[in-house]
N, C-alpha and C. Protein backbone atom coordinates (compact mmCIF):
# COMPACT_ATOMS: atom_id res chain seq x y z
N HIS A 1 75.98 116.58 120.80
CA HIS A 1 77.35 116.82 120.36
C HIS A 1 77.56 116.09 119.04
N VAL A 2 77.83 116.84 117.97
CA VAL A 2 78.04 116.27 116.64
C VAL A 2 79.43 115.68 116.56
N GLN A 3 79.51 114.44 116.13
CA GLN A 3 80.80 113.78 116.00
C GLN A 3 80.82 112.85 114.80
N LEU A 4 81.95 112.84 114.09
CA LEU A 4 82.18 111.94 112.96
C LEU A 4 83.47 111.18 113.23
N VAL A 5 83.41 109.87 113.11
CA VAL A 5 84.60 109.06 113.36
C VAL A 5 84.81 108.13 112.18
N GLU A 6 85.98 108.27 111.52
CA GLU A 6 86.31 107.43 110.39
C GLU A 6 87.01 106.16 110.85
N SER A 7 86.84 105.09 110.09
CA SER A 7 87.53 103.84 110.35
C SER A 7 87.69 103.08 109.04
N GLY A 8 88.53 102.05 109.08
CA GLY A 8 88.68 101.18 107.91
C GLY A 8 89.92 101.43 107.08
N GLY A 9 90.71 102.44 107.46
CA GLY A 9 91.92 102.69 106.72
C GLY A 9 92.95 101.58 106.90
N GLY A 10 93.99 101.59 106.08
CA GLY A 10 95.03 100.58 106.19
C GLY A 10 96.00 100.68 105.03
N SER A 11 96.85 99.67 104.93
CA SER A 11 97.84 99.60 103.85
C SER A 11 97.48 98.46 102.92
N VAL A 12 97.43 98.75 101.63
CA VAL A 12 97.08 97.74 100.64
C VAL A 12 97.98 97.87 99.43
N PRO A 13 98.17 96.79 98.68
CA PRO A 13 98.93 96.90 97.44
C PRO A 13 98.09 97.55 96.36
N ALA A 14 98.77 98.09 95.37
CA ALA A 14 98.06 98.67 94.23
C ALA A 14 97.12 97.62 93.62
N GLY A 15 95.93 98.06 93.27
CA GLY A 15 94.93 97.16 92.75
C GLY A 15 94.01 96.59 93.81
N GLY A 16 94.35 96.83 95.07
CA GLY A 16 93.55 96.32 96.16
C GLY A 16 92.32 97.16 96.46
N SER A 17 91.59 96.76 97.49
CA SER A 17 90.34 97.42 97.87
C SER A 17 90.30 97.70 99.36
N LEU A 18 89.58 98.73 99.71
CA LEU A 18 89.30 99.07 101.10
C LEU A 18 87.92 99.71 101.18
N THR A 19 87.27 99.54 102.32
CA THR A 19 86.03 100.24 102.56
C THR A 19 86.17 101.07 103.83
N LEU A 20 86.00 102.35 103.69
CA LEU A 20 86.04 103.26 104.82
C LEU A 20 84.62 103.49 105.35
N THR A 21 84.53 103.64 106.65
CA THR A 21 83.23 103.91 107.29
C THR A 21 83.35 105.15 108.15
N CYS A 22 82.34 105.97 108.08
CA CYS A 22 82.26 107.17 108.91
C CYS A 22 81.02 107.02 109.79
N THR A 23 81.22 106.92 111.08
CA THR A 23 80.11 106.76 112.01
C THR A 23 79.74 108.11 112.60
N ALA A 24 78.47 108.47 112.46
CA ALA A 24 78.00 109.76 112.93
C ALA A 24 77.28 109.61 114.26
N SER A 25 77.45 110.60 115.11
CA SER A 25 76.69 110.65 116.36
C SER A 25 76.30 112.10 116.61
N GLY A 26 75.18 112.28 117.27
CA GLY A 26 74.68 113.63 117.53
C GLY A 26 73.85 114.19 116.40
N PHE A 27 73.77 113.49 115.30
CA PHE A 27 72.92 113.90 114.19
C PHE A 27 72.73 112.68 113.28
N THR A 28 71.82 112.80 112.32
CA THR A 28 71.57 111.69 111.40
C THR A 28 72.15 112.00 110.03
N VAL A 29 72.79 111.02 109.41
CA VAL A 29 73.32 111.22 108.06
C VAL A 29 72.18 111.44 107.07
N GLU A 30 71.01 110.91 107.45
CA GLU A 30 69.85 111.08 106.59
C GLU A 30 69.49 112.56 106.45
N GLY A 31 69.69 113.31 107.52
CA GLY A 31 69.30 114.71 107.52
C GLY A 31 70.42 115.67 107.18
N HIS A 32 71.48 115.13 106.61
CA HIS A 32 72.64 115.96 106.29
C HIS A 32 73.17 115.63 104.90
N CYS A 33 73.88 116.59 104.34
CA CYS A 33 74.67 116.34 103.15
C CYS A 33 76.04 115.89 103.64
N VAL A 34 76.61 114.89 103.00
CA VAL A 34 77.83 114.27 103.50
C VAL A 34 78.84 114.10 102.38
N ALA A 35 80.10 113.98 102.77
CA ALA A 35 81.15 113.88 101.76
C ALA A 35 82.41 113.25 102.33
N TRP A 36 83.26 112.78 101.43
CA TRP A 36 84.59 112.26 101.76
C TRP A 36 85.64 113.15 101.11
N PHE A 37 86.70 113.38 101.85
CA PHE A 37 87.84 114.15 101.37
C PHE A 37 89.12 113.36 101.64
N ARG A 38 90.19 113.76 101.03
CA ARG A 38 91.49 113.16 101.34
C ARG A 38 92.57 114.21 101.22
N GLN A 39 93.65 113.95 101.92
CA GLN A 39 94.80 114.84 101.86
C GLN A 39 96.07 114.02 101.86
N ALA A 40 96.83 114.16 100.81
CA ALA A 40 98.12 113.48 100.71
C ALA A 40 99.19 114.38 101.33
N PRO A 41 100.29 113.79 101.79
CA PRO A 41 101.37 114.60 102.37
C PRO A 41 101.84 115.67 101.40
N GLY A 42 101.91 116.89 101.88
CA GLY A 42 102.40 117.98 101.05
C GLY A 42 101.41 118.51 100.04
N LYS A 43 100.20 118.00 100.06
CA LYS A 43 99.19 118.44 99.09
C LYS A 43 97.98 119.01 99.80
N GLU A 44 97.18 119.75 99.06
CA GLU A 44 95.96 120.30 99.63
C GLU A 44 94.88 119.22 99.72
N ARG A 45 93.97 119.44 100.65
CA ARG A 45 92.84 118.54 100.78
C ARG A 45 91.98 118.61 99.51
N GLU A 46 91.48 117.47 99.09
CA GLU A 46 90.65 117.43 97.89
C GLU A 46 89.39 116.61 98.15
N GLY A 47 88.32 117.02 97.53
CA GLY A 47 87.07 116.28 97.64
C GLY A 47 87.13 115.01 96.82
N VAL A 48 86.61 113.94 97.38
CA VAL A 48 86.61 112.64 96.71
C VAL A 48 85.21 112.28 96.22
N ALA A 49 84.24 112.39 97.11
CA ALA A 49 82.87 112.02 96.77
C ALA A 49 81.92 112.65 97.77
N GLY A 50 80.68 112.86 97.36
CA GLY A 50 79.70 113.42 98.27
C GLY A 50 78.29 113.07 97.85
N ILE A 51 77.38 113.22 98.80
CA ILE A 51 75.96 113.00 98.54
C ILE A 51 75.21 114.25 98.98
N GLU A 52 74.49 114.84 98.05
CA GLU A 52 73.71 116.04 98.36
C GLU A 52 72.29 115.65 98.73
N MET A 53 71.41 116.64 98.88
CA MET A 53 70.04 116.40 99.28
C MET A 53 69.28 115.54 98.28
N ASP A 54 69.67 115.62 97.01
CA ASP A 54 68.96 114.82 96.02
C ASP A 54 69.32 113.35 96.09
N GLY A 55 70.27 113.01 96.96
CA GLY A 55 70.67 111.62 97.12
C GLY A 55 71.60 111.12 96.05
N LYS A 56 71.97 111.98 95.12
CA LYS A 56 72.81 111.56 94.01
C LYS A 56 74.28 111.64 94.41
N PRO A 57 75.01 110.54 94.27
CA PRO A 57 76.44 110.59 94.57
C PRO A 57 77.18 111.38 93.49
N ARG A 58 78.18 112.10 93.92
CA ARG A 58 79.02 112.85 93.01
C ARG A 58 80.47 112.52 93.33
N TYR A 59 81.29 112.37 92.28
CA TYR A 59 82.66 111.89 92.45
C TYR A 59 83.67 112.80 91.76
N ALA A 60 84.86 112.84 92.33
CA ALA A 60 85.97 113.47 91.63
C ALA A 60 86.32 112.60 90.43
N ASP A 61 86.78 113.23 89.36
CA ASP A 61 87.13 112.47 88.15
C ASP A 61 88.17 111.40 88.43
N SER A 62 89.07 111.68 89.36
CA SER A 62 90.17 110.76 89.63
C SER A 62 89.71 109.44 90.25
N VAL A 63 88.50 109.41 90.82
CA VAL A 63 88.03 108.18 91.48
C VAL A 63 86.79 107.62 90.82
N LEU A 64 86.26 108.30 89.82
CA LEU A 64 85.03 107.86 89.16
C LEU A 64 85.21 106.46 88.58
N GLY A 65 84.26 105.60 88.92
CA GLY A 65 84.31 104.22 88.44
C GLY A 65 85.06 103.28 89.37
N ARG A 66 85.79 103.85 90.33
CA ARG A 66 86.55 103.01 91.28
C ARG A 66 86.01 103.12 92.70
N PHE A 67 85.47 104.26 93.07
CA PHE A 67 84.98 104.49 94.42
C PHE A 67 83.45 104.59 94.40
N THR A 68 82.85 104.15 95.50
CA THR A 68 81.40 104.25 95.65
C THR A 68 81.07 104.78 97.04
N VAL A 69 80.31 105.86 97.08
CA VAL A 69 79.91 106.45 98.36
C VAL A 69 78.45 106.07 98.64
N SER A 70 78.16 105.77 99.90
CA SER A 70 76.80 105.38 100.25
C SER A 70 76.52 105.71 101.71
N ARG A 71 75.23 105.78 102.02
CA ARG A 71 74.81 106.00 103.41
C ARG A 71 73.99 104.82 103.90
N ASP A 72 74.13 104.52 105.18
CA ASP A 72 73.31 103.50 105.82
C ASP A 72 72.51 104.22 106.90
N TRP A 73 71.23 104.43 106.63
CA TRP A 73 70.42 105.19 107.57
C TRP A 73 70.20 104.45 108.88
N ASP A 74 70.12 103.12 108.80
CA ASP A 74 69.90 102.34 110.02
C ASP A 74 71.11 102.41 110.95
N LYS A 75 72.30 102.32 110.37
CA LYS A 75 73.52 102.36 111.17
C LYS A 75 74.03 103.79 111.38
N ASN A 76 73.43 104.72 110.66
CA ASN A 76 73.86 106.12 110.73
C ASN A 76 75.33 106.27 110.34
N THR A 77 75.67 105.68 109.23
CA THR A 77 77.04 105.71 108.76
C THR A 77 77.11 106.16 107.29
N LEU A 78 78.28 106.63 106.95
CA LEU A 78 78.63 106.96 105.57
C LEU A 78 79.80 106.08 105.18
N SER A 79 79.77 105.47 104.01
CA SER A 79 80.83 104.57 103.60
C SER A 79 81.46 105.02 102.30
N LEU A 80 82.70 104.61 102.13
CA LEU A 80 83.40 104.84 100.87
C LEU A 80 84.06 103.53 100.49
N GLN A 81 83.51 102.89 99.48
CA GLN A 81 84.06 101.64 98.99
C GLN A 81 85.06 101.98 97.90
N MET A 82 86.30 101.54 98.09
CA MET A 82 87.37 101.90 97.16
C MET A 82 87.93 100.63 96.54
N THR A 83 87.97 100.60 95.23
CA THR A 83 88.52 99.45 94.51
C THR A 83 89.61 99.93 93.54
N ASP A 84 90.38 98.96 93.03
CA ASP A 84 91.46 99.28 92.10
C ASP A 84 92.29 100.45 92.61
N LEU A 85 92.71 100.36 93.83
CA LEU A 85 93.44 101.45 94.46
C LEU A 85 94.79 101.66 93.79
N LYS A 86 95.19 102.93 93.74
CA LYS A 86 96.44 103.32 93.11
C LYS A 86 97.32 104.05 94.14
N PRO A 87 98.63 104.08 93.94
CA PRO A 87 99.49 104.79 94.90
C PRO A 87 99.06 106.24 95.10
N GLU A 88 98.52 106.87 94.08
CA GLU A 88 98.09 108.26 94.21
C GLU A 88 96.83 108.42 95.05
N ASP A 89 96.22 107.32 95.44
CA ASP A 89 95.08 107.38 96.37
C ASP A 89 95.54 107.47 97.83
N THR A 90 96.83 107.34 98.05
CA THR A 90 97.37 107.41 99.40
C THR A 90 97.08 108.76 100.04
N GLY A 91 96.67 108.72 101.32
CA GLY A 91 96.41 109.96 102.04
C GLY A 91 95.56 109.70 103.26
N THR A 92 95.28 110.77 103.98
CA THR A 92 94.36 110.70 105.10
C THR A 92 92.97 111.05 104.58
N TYR A 93 92.03 110.18 104.87
CA TYR A 93 90.67 110.35 104.38
C TYR A 93 89.77 110.85 105.51
N TYR A 94 88.99 111.87 105.19
CA TYR A 94 88.11 112.51 106.15
C TYR A 94 86.67 112.47 105.65
N CYS A 95 85.74 112.32 106.58
CA CYS A 95 84.33 112.51 106.22
C CYS A 95 83.88 113.85 106.77
N ALA A 96 82.86 114.40 106.14
CA ALA A 96 82.36 115.71 106.51
C ALA A 96 80.85 115.75 106.31
N ALA A 97 80.19 116.67 107.02
CA ALA A 97 78.74 116.76 106.92
C ALA A 97 78.27 118.18 107.20
N GLU A 98 77.11 118.51 106.67
CA GLU A 98 76.45 119.76 107.04
C GLU A 98 74.95 119.56 106.93
N SER A 99 74.22 120.40 107.62
CA SER A 99 72.78 120.25 107.72
C SER A 99 72.10 120.55 106.38
N VAL A 100 70.88 120.04 106.24
CA VAL A 100 70.14 120.26 105.00
C VAL A 100 69.91 121.75 104.72
N PRO A 101 69.53 122.56 105.70
CA PRO A 101 69.36 123.99 105.38
C PRO A 101 70.63 124.62 104.78
N ALA A 102 71.77 124.23 105.34
CA ALA A 102 73.03 124.76 104.80
C ALA A 102 73.27 124.23 103.39
N CYS A 103 72.94 122.94 103.18
CA CYS A 103 73.05 122.36 101.84
C CYS A 103 72.19 123.13 100.85
N GLN A 104 70.97 123.43 101.27
CA GLN A 104 70.05 124.11 100.37
C GLN A 104 70.59 125.45 99.95
N ARG A 105 71.12 126.20 100.90
CA ARG A 105 71.67 127.52 100.57
C ARG A 105 72.85 127.37 99.63
N ARG A 106 73.69 126.39 99.91
CA ARG A 106 74.91 126.22 99.12
C ARG A 106 74.60 125.76 97.69
N THR A 107 73.77 124.73 97.56
CA THR A 107 73.52 124.19 96.23
C THR A 107 72.72 125.17 95.37
N ARG A 108 71.92 126.02 96.01
CA ARG A 108 71.22 127.06 95.23
C ARG A 108 72.19 128.04 94.62
N SER A 109 73.35 128.16 95.25
CA SER A 109 74.37 129.07 94.71
C SER A 109 75.34 128.35 93.78
N GLY A 110 75.06 127.06 93.51
CA GLY A 110 75.85 126.34 92.52
C GLY A 110 77.07 125.62 93.04
N LEU A 111 77.17 125.48 94.36
CA LEU A 111 78.31 124.78 94.95
C LEU A 111 77.91 123.36 95.31
N PHE A 112 78.61 122.39 94.74
CA PHE A 112 78.28 120.99 94.95
C PHE A 112 79.51 120.19 95.35
N ALA A 113 79.27 119.07 96.06
CA ALA A 113 80.32 118.10 96.28
C ALA A 113 80.74 117.52 94.93
N PRO A 114 81.98 117.05 94.77
CA PRO A 114 83.03 117.06 95.79
C PRO A 114 83.92 118.29 95.78
N SER A 115 83.60 119.30 94.97
CA SER A 115 84.48 120.47 94.91
C SER A 115 84.28 121.41 96.10
N TYR A 116 83.12 121.36 96.73
CA TYR A 116 82.85 122.22 97.88
C TYR A 116 83.47 121.61 99.12
N ASP A 117 84.14 122.42 99.95
CA ASP A 117 84.78 121.87 101.14
C ASP A 117 84.48 122.67 102.40
N GLY A 118 83.41 123.42 102.41
CA GLY A 118 83.08 124.23 103.57
C GLY A 118 82.15 123.58 104.56
N TYR A 119 82.18 122.26 104.67
CA TYR A 119 81.29 121.56 105.59
C TYR A 119 81.55 121.98 107.04
N SER A 120 80.50 121.92 107.84
CA SER A 120 80.60 122.40 109.21
C SER A 120 81.15 121.35 110.18
N SER A 121 81.01 120.08 109.85
CA SER A 121 81.46 119.02 110.75
C SER A 121 82.44 118.11 110.02
N TRP A 122 83.52 117.77 110.74
CA TRP A 122 84.57 116.95 110.13
C TRP A 122 85.03 115.88 111.12
N GLY A 123 85.43 114.73 110.57
CA GLY A 123 86.08 113.72 111.38
C GLY A 123 87.57 113.99 111.46
N ARG A 124 88.26 113.12 112.19
CA ARG A 124 89.71 113.31 112.37
C ARG A 124 90.54 112.57 111.33
N GLY A 125 89.92 111.71 110.57
CA GLY A 125 90.60 111.08 109.48
C GLY A 125 91.08 109.66 109.75
N THR A 126 91.29 108.93 108.67
CA THR A 126 91.86 107.58 108.72
C THR A 126 92.84 107.46 107.57
N GLN A 127 93.97 106.81 107.84
CA GLN A 127 95.06 106.77 106.86
C GLN A 127 94.88 105.62 105.88
N VAL A 128 95.08 105.92 104.61
CA VAL A 128 95.08 104.91 103.56
C VAL A 128 96.43 104.99 102.84
N THR A 129 97.10 103.86 102.77
CA THR A 129 98.39 103.80 102.09
C THR A 129 98.34 102.72 101.03
N VAL A 130 98.65 103.11 99.79
CA VAL A 130 98.65 102.18 98.67
C VAL A 130 100.07 102.13 98.09
N SER A 131 100.63 100.92 98.05
CA SER A 131 102.02 100.81 97.58
C SER A 131 102.13 99.87 96.40
């Protein structure tokens, strides 16, 4: 049973930092392409960061230089380290994953994280509030 569970959300002042963790079960993050998304109230979900098969992190322009996405193969987790947080970073943050074969088909067609949002597995989200 594939499951993703996010944790680490909270409320912080502007300029603060948070690290989100996505714990995977039923599959390995090593064998999947993974990503972080967020959704602010009244807005559409947007991609924040992702890691494709090449292992290269990719970021939305709005978080470049402030957020860092990484995987821990031993713990089977995906993390999002967020620094210099801004009020516009407020939202529910979700992690997502899909298998390597699906990644291969997608990236061959030119679709890459963080703009791609058709992942097959999603967590339920964790709230981040920046004031």
